[in-house]
């Protein structure tokens, strides 16, 4: 497993702006005056992560300025004195933010120009993800009778918008387009390239997890090119049912969470529940194709019924999470159909858009 995730872009200093960042709530640098005329630099970050601070006079050559060790609640430590009224650049670096992100770094800059007080950093740019596509957990045996493909290392390089915009209507997708990527760098892909009578024009596409396609215990199997990918909840990434848990990011840049969320999406003090999709199994008999009762064998056996569950037609909602305390739109991977979104509310990142090549299975 190798996953490298970076944020690209400069940060500006301001007094009232806030940043909602993956695995970080808000980052602040506090410049304070001391009696001796020097300026102290304090920094706050996210609980539980070591943070390195570097300084530079030209933005090219950087020197280590200090280390903020994780303390309860926030990283908060007086670092050093600065010479008053001397411009200098500072940047915060998290060299290893989580066991799933390998050498992930968050780098953000802010300038001290003699103004004292709090400077919150606002990030603009892109989230860059490079991964070999291999999971950090044991997999099933591949090839197997239901899946003839062997897992192999990949060379993924994606750039997603840090602050995606939600369009007025969703964009539905299908093979070969994938849905997203996990925090460990493994592809999320809900569809199977399997159809009634092996005919893509039949109008009846097999629902992946309802059919014997060689899945392992992680609801994953392997594409013909060796890509290991999840079709449902990546159970090895779910570590808690007591809060929404970030799984990764969708192809349009919006975050993807596991199946648990707050009963009141805007209240982090509300009860945590398993979230339900608003896609429901149709009743009655299929009018064509394979015939028979709607039983979930095919994608077309389901219909979206607004308000019948907690989520919208793309299996998402707006709400607060630990990473986004002010709220964000996010997708949810549920334990039941459709498992993950089959449409995007934002524009698919160009680097993640796929319209050719071998289709997923």
Protein backbone atom coordinates (compact mmCIF):
# COMPACT_ATOMS: atom_id res chain seq x y z
CA UNK A 1 0.00 0.00 0.00
CA UNK A 2 1.36 3.40 -0.97
CA UNK A 3 -0.71 6.53 -1.05
CA UNK A 4 0.61 10.06 -1.30
CA UNK A 5 -1.87 12.90 -0.93
CA UNK A 6 -0.88 16.53 -1.25
CA UNK A 7 -2.68 19.84 -1.34
CA UNK A 8 -1.46 22.23 -3.99
CA UNK A 9 -1.80 25.98 -3.73
CA UNK A 10 -0.90 28.95 -1.57
CA UNK A 11 -2.58 29.99 1.60
CA UNK A 12 -3.32 33.59 2.48
CA UNK A 13 -3.44 35.18 5.90
CA UNK A 14 -6.66 36.73 7.17
CA UNK A 15 -8.41 37.33 10.45
CA UNK A 16 -11.85 35.83 9.87
CA UNK A 17 -11.53 33.15 7.23
CA UNK A 18 -11.66 29.45 8.10
CA UNK A 19 -10.47 26.36 6.31
CA UNK A 20 -12.19 22.98 6.28
CA UNK A 21 -9.44 20.50 5.51
CA UNK A 22 -9.14 16.75 5.50
CA UNK A 23 -8.15 15.54 8.96
CA UNK A 24 -7.77 19.14 10.11
CA UNK A 25 -10.46 21.49 11.31
CA UNK A 26 -8.84 24.91 11.39
CA UNK A 27 -5.22 25.93 11.39
CA UNK A 28 -4.12 29.11 13.08
CA UNK A 29 -0.86 30.92 13.59
CA UNK A 30 -0.88 33.44 16.42
CA UNK A 31 1.66 36.23 16.40
CA UNK A 32 1.98 37.86 19.81
CA UNK A 33 4.14 40.64 21.21
CA UNK A 34 6.39 40.02 24.19
CA UNK A 35 7.83 42.57 26.58
CA UNK A 36 11.29 42.27 25.08
CA UNK A 37 9.95 43.43 21.74
CA UNK A 38 10.09 39.99 20.18
CA UNK A 39 7.15 38.23 18.59
CA UNK A 40 6.07 34.74 19.59
CA UNK A 41 4.50 32.30 17.16
CA UNK A 42 1.84 29.90 18.40
CA UNK A 43 0.08 27.37 16.20
CA UNK A 44 -3.01 25.23 16.58
CA UNK A 45 -3.87 22.23 14.50
CA UNK A 46 -5.79 19.00 14.77
CA UNK A 47 -5.66 16.77 17.81
CA UNK A 48 -3.37 13.79 17.58
CA UNK A 49 -1.04 14.79 14.76
CA UNK A 50 2.54 16.03 15.00
CA UNK A 51 3.04 19.27 13.11
CA UNK A 52 6.30 20.72 11.83
CA UNK A 53 6.66 24.46 11.31
CA UNK A 54 9.20 25.83 8.87
CA UNK A 55 10.23 29.40 8.10
CA UNK A 56 11.62 31.12 5.03
CA UNK A 57 12.63 34.61 3.98
CA UNK A 58 12.17 33.98 0.26
CA UNK A 59 9.67 31.12 -0.04
CA UNK A 60 12.32 28.95 -1.67
CA UNK A 61 14.70 27.93 1.09
CA UNK A 62 12.96 26.60 4.20
CA UNK A 63 14.40 25.98 7.67
CA UNK A 64 12.84 23.94 10.44
CA UNK A 65 11.37 26.37 12.94
CA UNK A 66 9.80 24.05 15.47
CA UNK A 67 7.75 20.96 16.19
CA UNK A 68 4.28 20.98 17.71
CA UNK A 69 3.56 17.72 19.47
CA UNK A 70 -0.02 16.47 19.73
CA UNK A 71 -1.75 17.58 22.89
CA UNK A 72 -5.28 16.95 24.09
CA UNK A 73 -7.76 19.00 22.09
CA UNK A 74 -5.34 20.94 19.92
CA UNK A 75 -1.71 21.09 18.99
CA UNK A 76 -0.70 24.27 20.76
CA UNK A 77 2.81 25.23 21.72
CA UNK A 78 4.90 28.38 21.84
CA UNK A 79 7.62 27.93 19.30
CA UNK A 80 10.10 30.77 19.32
CA UNK A 81 10.62 34.51 19.16
CA UNK A 82 10.52 36.45 15.93
CA UNK A 83 12.10 39.76 15.24
CA UNK A 84 9.32 42.33 15.26
CA UNK A 85 8.33 43.90 11.93
CA UNK A 86 10.47 41.51 9.92
CA UNK A 87 8.52 39.84 7.11
CA UNK A 88 8.83 36.08 7.09
CA UNK A 89 6.96 33.13 5.63
CA UNK A 90 5.86 30.19 7.72
CA UNK A 91 4.39 26.91 6.67
CA UNK A 92 2.81 24.01 8.53
CA UNK A 93 3.69 20.47 7.50
CA UNK A 94 2.09 17.22 8.60
CA UNK A 95 4.65 14.69 7.35
CA UNK A 96 2.55 11.63 8.19
CA UNK A 97 -1.09 12.41 8.84
CA UNK A 98 -2.53 8.89 9.00
CA UNK A 99 -1.52 5.25 8.55
CA UNK A 100 -3.63 5.18 5.38
CA UNK A 101 -1.94 8.06 3.64
CA UNK A 102 1.70 7.03 3.70
CA UNK A 103 3.89 10.07 3.25
CA UNK A 104 0.98 12.47 2.97
CA UNK A 105 1.87 16.11 3.50
CA UNK A 106 -0.31 19.15 4.05
CA UNK A 107 1.66 22.29 3.33
CA UNK A 108 0.18 25.73 3.85
CA UNK A 109 1.87 29.11 4.04
CA UNK A 110 1.15 32.31 5.87
CA UNK A 111 3.20 35.50 6.08
CA UNK A 112 4.05 37.52 9.17
CA UNK A 113 4.28 41.15 8.10
CA UNK A 114 4.31 42.88 11.46
CA UNK A 115 0.59 42.47 12.11
CA UNK A 116 -0.10 40.80 15.45
CA UNK A 117 -2.99 38.49 16.22
CA UNK A 118 -4.51 35.38 14.72
CA UNK A 119 -3.94 34.49 11.08
CA UNK A 120 -6.12 31.63 9.87
CA UNK A 121 -5.04 29.95 6.69
CA UNK A 122 -7.35 29.49 3.73
CA UNK A 123 -6.35 26.95 1.15
CA UNK A 124 -6.96 27.16 -2.56
CA UNK A 125 -5.83 24.64 -5.09
CA UNK A 126 -6.16 20.92 -5.57
CA UNK A 127 -5.81 17.71 -3.64
CA UNK A 128 -3.27 15.53 -5.41
CA UNK A 129 -3.41 11.78 -4.87
CA UNK A 130 -0.76 9.35 -6.05
CA UNK A 131 -1.23 5.68 -5.23
CA UNK A 132 -0.26 2.18 -6.27
CA UNK A 133 -3.86 1.08 -5.67
CA UNK A 134 -2.99 -1.71 -3.25
CA UNK A 135 -4.99 -2.09 -0.02
CA UNK A 136 -3.49 -2.02 3.47
CA UNK A 137 -5.34 -5.18 4.50
CA UNK A 138 -5.45 -8.83 3.53
CA UNK A 139 -7.54 -9.60 0.47
CA UNK A 140 -9.36 -12.63 -0.82
CA UNK A 141 -7.70 -15.06 -3.20
CA UNK A 142 -7.50 -13.79 -6.77
CA UNK A 143 -7.98 -15.21 -9.32
CA UNK A 144 -10.97 -17.20 -8.11
CA UNK A 145 -13.92 -18.97 -9.82
CA UNK A 146 -15.95 -15.76 -9.90
CA UNK A 147 -13.12 -13.40 -10.81
CA UNK A 148 -10.30 -14.49 -13.13
CA UNK A 149 -8.06 -11.47 -12.53
CA UNK A 150 -4.88 -11.09 -10.51
CA UNK A 151 -4.17 -8.06 -8.29
CA UNK A 152 -1.33 -5.88 -9.55
CA UNK A 153 0.18 -2.55 -8.59
CA UNK A 154 -1.14 0.52 -10.37
CA UNK A 155 0.16 4.01 -11.01
CA UNK A 156 -2.66 6.39 -10.03
CA UNK A 157 -2.19 10.15 -10.14
CA UNK A 158 -5.32 12.23 -9.56
CA UNK A 159 -6.03 15.87 -8.82
CA UNK A 160 -9.35 16.77 -7.17
CA UNK A 161 -10.68 20.23 -6.33
CA UNK A 162 -10.27 21.05 -2.65
CA UNK A 163 -13.48 23.03 -2.61
CA UNK A 164 -15.79 21.47 -5.22
CA UNK A 165 -18.95 23.25 -6.33
CA UNK A 166 -22.31 21.52 -6.35
CA UNK A 167 -24.19 21.80 -9.63
CA UNK A 168 -27.94 22.34 -9.95
CA UNK A 169 -28.48 18.76 -11.14
CA UNK A 170 -26.47 15.54 -10.81
CA UNK A 171 -24.51 13.76 -13.52
CA UNK A 172 -25.10 10.00 -13.67
CA UNK A 173 -22.24 7.73 -14.68
CA UNK A 174 -21.58 4.10 -15.51
CA UNK A 175 -18.70 1.87 -16.63
CA UNK A 176 -15.88 2.53 -17.16
CA UNK A 177 -16.14 5.57 -14.86
CA UNK A 178 -15.24 4.91 -11.20
CA UNK A 179 -16.81 6.72 -8.24
CA UNK A 180 -13.84 7.70 -6.10
CA UNK A 181 -10.76 6.66 -4.19
CA UNK A 182 -10.24 5.74 -0.55
CA UNK A 183 -7.92 7.49 1.88
CA UNK A 184 -5.54 4.56 1.39
CA UNK A 185 -5.56 4.95 -2.40
CA UNK A 186 -7.89 2.13 -3.49
CA UNK A 187 -10.57 2.72 -6.13
CA UNK A 188 -14.29 2.89 -5.27
CA UNK A 189 -16.36 1.58 -8.17
CA UNK A 190 -20.02 0.52 -7.82
CA UNK A 191 -20.76 -0.89 -11.28
CA UNK A 192 -20.09 -4.24 -12.91
CA UNK A 193 -19.64 -4.63 -16.65
CA UNK A 194 -22.11 -7.51 -16.69
CA UNK A 195 -25.53 -7.55 -18.41
CA UNK A 196 -28.52 -9.75 -19.06
CA UNK A 197 -27.56 -12.26 -21.75
CA UNK A 198 -24.17 -10.51 -21.94
CA UNK A 199 -25.88 -7.80 -23.96
CA UNK A 200 -25.03 -4.25 -22.91
CA UNK A 201 -27.96 -3.00 -24.99
CA UNK A 202 -30.45 -5.18 -23.11
CA UNK A 203 -31.22 -2.42 -20.61
CA UNK A 204 -30.57 -4.77 -17.68
CA UNK A 205 -27.24 -4.45 -15.89
CA UNK A 206 -26.29 -6.87 -13.12
CA UNK A 207 -26.13 -5.34 -9.65
CA UNK A 208 -22.55 -6.21 -8.72
CA UNK A 209 -22.83 -7.36 -5.10
CA UNK A 210 -26.05 -9.30 -5.76
CA UNK A 211 -24.21 -11.64 -8.11
CA UNK A 212 -21.36 -14.10 -7.80
CA UNK A 213 -18.51 -12.06 -9.22
CA UNK A 214 -15.76 -13.31 -6.94
CA UNK A 215 -15.92 -10.70 -4.20
CA UNK A 216 -13.84 -11.02 -1.04
CA UNK A 217 -14.92 -10.10 2.50
CA UNK A 218 -14.17 -6.43 1.80
CA UNK A 219 -16.79 -6.30 -1.00
CA UNK A 220 -13.94 -5.99 -3.47
CA UNK A 221 -12.54 -7.85 -6.43
CA UNK A 222 -10.20 -7.20 -9.35
CA UNK A 223 -10.55 -5.54 -12.74
CA UNK A 224 -8.97 -7.11 -15.85
CA UNK A 225 -6.04 -4.66 -15.59
CA UNK A 226 -5.29 -5.83 -12.03
CA UNK A 227 -6.99 -2.96 -10.18
CA UNK A 228 -8.33 -4.06 -6.80
CA UNK A 229 -11.48 -2.02 -6.08
CA UNK A 230 -14.39 -1.82 -3.66
CA UNK A 231 -18.04 -2.19 -4.67
CA UNK A 232 -19.41 -1.62 -1.19
CA UNK A 233 -18.39 -0.49 2.29
CA UNK A 234 -14.64 -1.09 2.69
CA UNK A 235 -15.10 -2.74 6.07
CA UNK A 236 -11.42 -2.68 6.96
CA UNK A 237 -11.48 1.11 6.84
CA UNK A 238 -14.42 1.42 9.23
CA UNK A 239 -13.03 1.76 12.74
CA UNK A 240 -15.98 3.31 14.59
CA UNK A 241 -19.76 3.51 14.61
CA UNK A 242 -19.74 6.50 16.97
CA UNK A 243 -19.19 9.23 14.38
CA UNK A 244 -19.07 9.78 10.60
CA UNK A 245 -15.79 8.34 9.34
CA UNK A 246 -13.99 9.66 6.31
CA UNK A 247 -13.36 6.93 3.73
CA UNK A 248 -11.99 8.97 0.85
CA UNK A 249 -13.00 11.32 -1.94
CA UNK A 250 -15.35 11.10 -4.90
CA UNK A 251 -14.37 11.89 -8.46
CA UNK A 252 -15.73 15.43 -8.13
CA UNK A 253 -13.73 16.16 -4.97
CA UNK A 254 -16.50 15.88 -2.38
CA UNK A 255 -15.64 13.69 0.62
CA UNK A 256 -16.96 10.16 1.04
CA UNK A 257 -17.97 8.83 4.46
CA UNK A 258 -18.87 5.46 5.89
CA UNK A 259 -22.37 4.28 6.72
CA UNK A 260 -22.75 6.08 10.06
CA UNK A 261 -23.80 9.70 10.55
CA UNK A 262 -25.57 12.07 12.88
CA UNK A 263 -29.35 11.68 13.10
CA UNK A 264 -29.49 15.45 12.74
CA UNK A 265 -26.98 16.12 9.96
CA UNK A 266 -26.26 19.60 11.30
CA UNK A 267 -25.84 18.62 14.95
CA UNK A 268 -22.70 16.70 15.97
CA UNK A 269 -24.22 16.18 19.42
CA UNK A 270 -27.14 14.20 18.00
CA UNK A 271 -27.32 10.41 18.01
CA UNK A 272 -25.13 8.53 15.55
CA UNK A 273 -27.17 6.17 13.36
CA UNK A 274 -26.66 3.97 10.34
CA UNK A 275 -27.72 6.07 7.36
CA UNK A 276 -30.29 4.75 4.91
CA UNK A 277 -30.44 5.26 1.17
CA UNK A 278 -33.56 6.57 -0.56
CA UNK A 279 -33.23 3.99 -3.34
CA UNK A 280 -35.85 1.28 -2.92
CA UNK A 281 -36.56 -2.08 -4.51
CA UNK A 282 -39.40 -1.85 -6.99
CA UNK A 283 -42.49 -3.96 -6.43
CA UNK A 284 -44.08 -6.22 -9.00
CA UNK A 285 -42.78 -7.98 -12.08
CA UNK A 286 -40.24 -6.79 -14.62
CA UNK A 287 -41.96 -5.74 -17.84
CA UNK A 288 -39.23 -7.00 -20.13
CA UNK A 289 -35.75 -8.44 -20.34
CA UNK A 290 -35.22 -11.23 -17.82
CA UNK A 291 -38.80 -11.05 -16.53
CA UNK A 292 -39.60 -12.27 -13.04
CA UNK A 293 -40.06 -10.29 -9.88
CA UNK A 294 -37.89 -7.36 -8.98
CA UNK A 295 -35.44 -8.98 -6.57
CA UNK A 296 -32.32 -6.82 -6.72
CA UNK A 297 -30.44 -8.88 -9.29
CA UNK A 298 -30.29 -5.92 -11.66
CA UNK A 299 -29.52 -2.23 -11.26
CA UNK A 300 -32.86 -1.45 -12.86
CA UNK A 301 -34.70 -3.28 -10.06
CA UNK A 302 -34.38 -0.16 -7.91
CA UNK A 303 -35.95 3.28 -8.00
CA UNK A 304 -35.24 6.50 -6.15
CA UNK A 305 -38.01 7.63 -3.78
CA UNK A 306 -37.31 11.09 -2.43
CA UNK A 307 -37.40 11.24 1.36
CA UNK A 308 -37.71 7.50 1.90
CA UNK A 309 -34.25 7.46 3.49
CA UNK A 310 -31.62 9.85 4.83
CA UNK A 311 -29.80 10.48 1.56
CA UNK A 312 -30.38 12.03 -1.85
CA UNK A 313 -30.28 10.36 -5.25
CA UNK A 314 -26.47 10.37 -5.31
CA UNK A 315 -26.38 8.76 -1.84
CA UNK A 316 -25.22 11.92 -0.13
CA UNK A 317 -26.31 14.85 2.00
CA UNK A 318 -25.11 18.10 3.55
CA UNK A 319 -23.93 17.87 7.13
CA UNK A 320 -21.23 18.43 9.71
CA UNK A 321 -18.40 16.01 10.35
CA UNK A 322 -15.23 16.07 12.39
CA UNK A 323 -13.24 17.19 9.36
CA UNK A 324 -15.87 19.73 8.28
CA UNK A 325 -17.32 21.27 11.46
CA UNK A 326 -19.04 24.01 9.45
CA UNK A 327 -20.66 21.46 7.18
CA UNK A 328 -20.10 20.14 3.67
CA UNK A 329 -21.87 18.08 1.08
CA UNK A 330 -20.63 14.51 1.33
CA UNK A 331 -21.40 11.12 -0.14
CA UNK A 332 -22.13 8.06 1.99
CA UNK A 333 -21.26 4.42 1.33
CA UNK A 334 -24.17 2.48 2.77
CA UNK A 335 -24.50 -1.16 3.78
CA UNK A 336 -27.44 -1.58 1.41
CA UNK A 337 -28.22 -0.61 -2.17
CA UNK A 338 -26.91 1.40 -3.92
CA UNK A 339 -23.88 1.10 -1.59
CA UNK A 340 -22.18 4.10 -3.17
CA UNK A 341 -23.27 6.96 -5.38
CA UNK A 342 -24.18 6.36 -9.00
CA UNK A 343 -24.06 10.07 -9.83
CA UNK A 344 -21.95 13.15 -9.10
CA UNK A 345 -23.17 16.54 -7.93
CA UNK A 346 -19.93 18.23 -8.92
CA UNK A 347 -17.88 18.18 -12.10
CA UNK A 348 -15.74 15.07 -12.42
CA UNK A 349 -12.07 15.96 -12.10
CA UNK A 350 -10.39 15.74 -15.48
CA UNK A 351 -7.65 13.45 -14.16
CA UNK A 352 -10.27 11.03 -12.78
CA UNK A 353 -12.61 11.04 -15.77
CA UNK A 354 -12.55 7.81 -17.69
CA UNK A 355 -14.24 7.21 -21.01
CA UNK A 356 -12.06 4.53 -22.55
CA UNK A 357 -9.83 1.59 -21.75
CA UNK A 358 -10.85 -1.77 -20.31
CA UNK A 359 -14.18 -1.50 -18.47
CA UNK A 360 -14.44 -2.42 -14.77
CA UNK A 361 -15.85 -5.70 -13.67
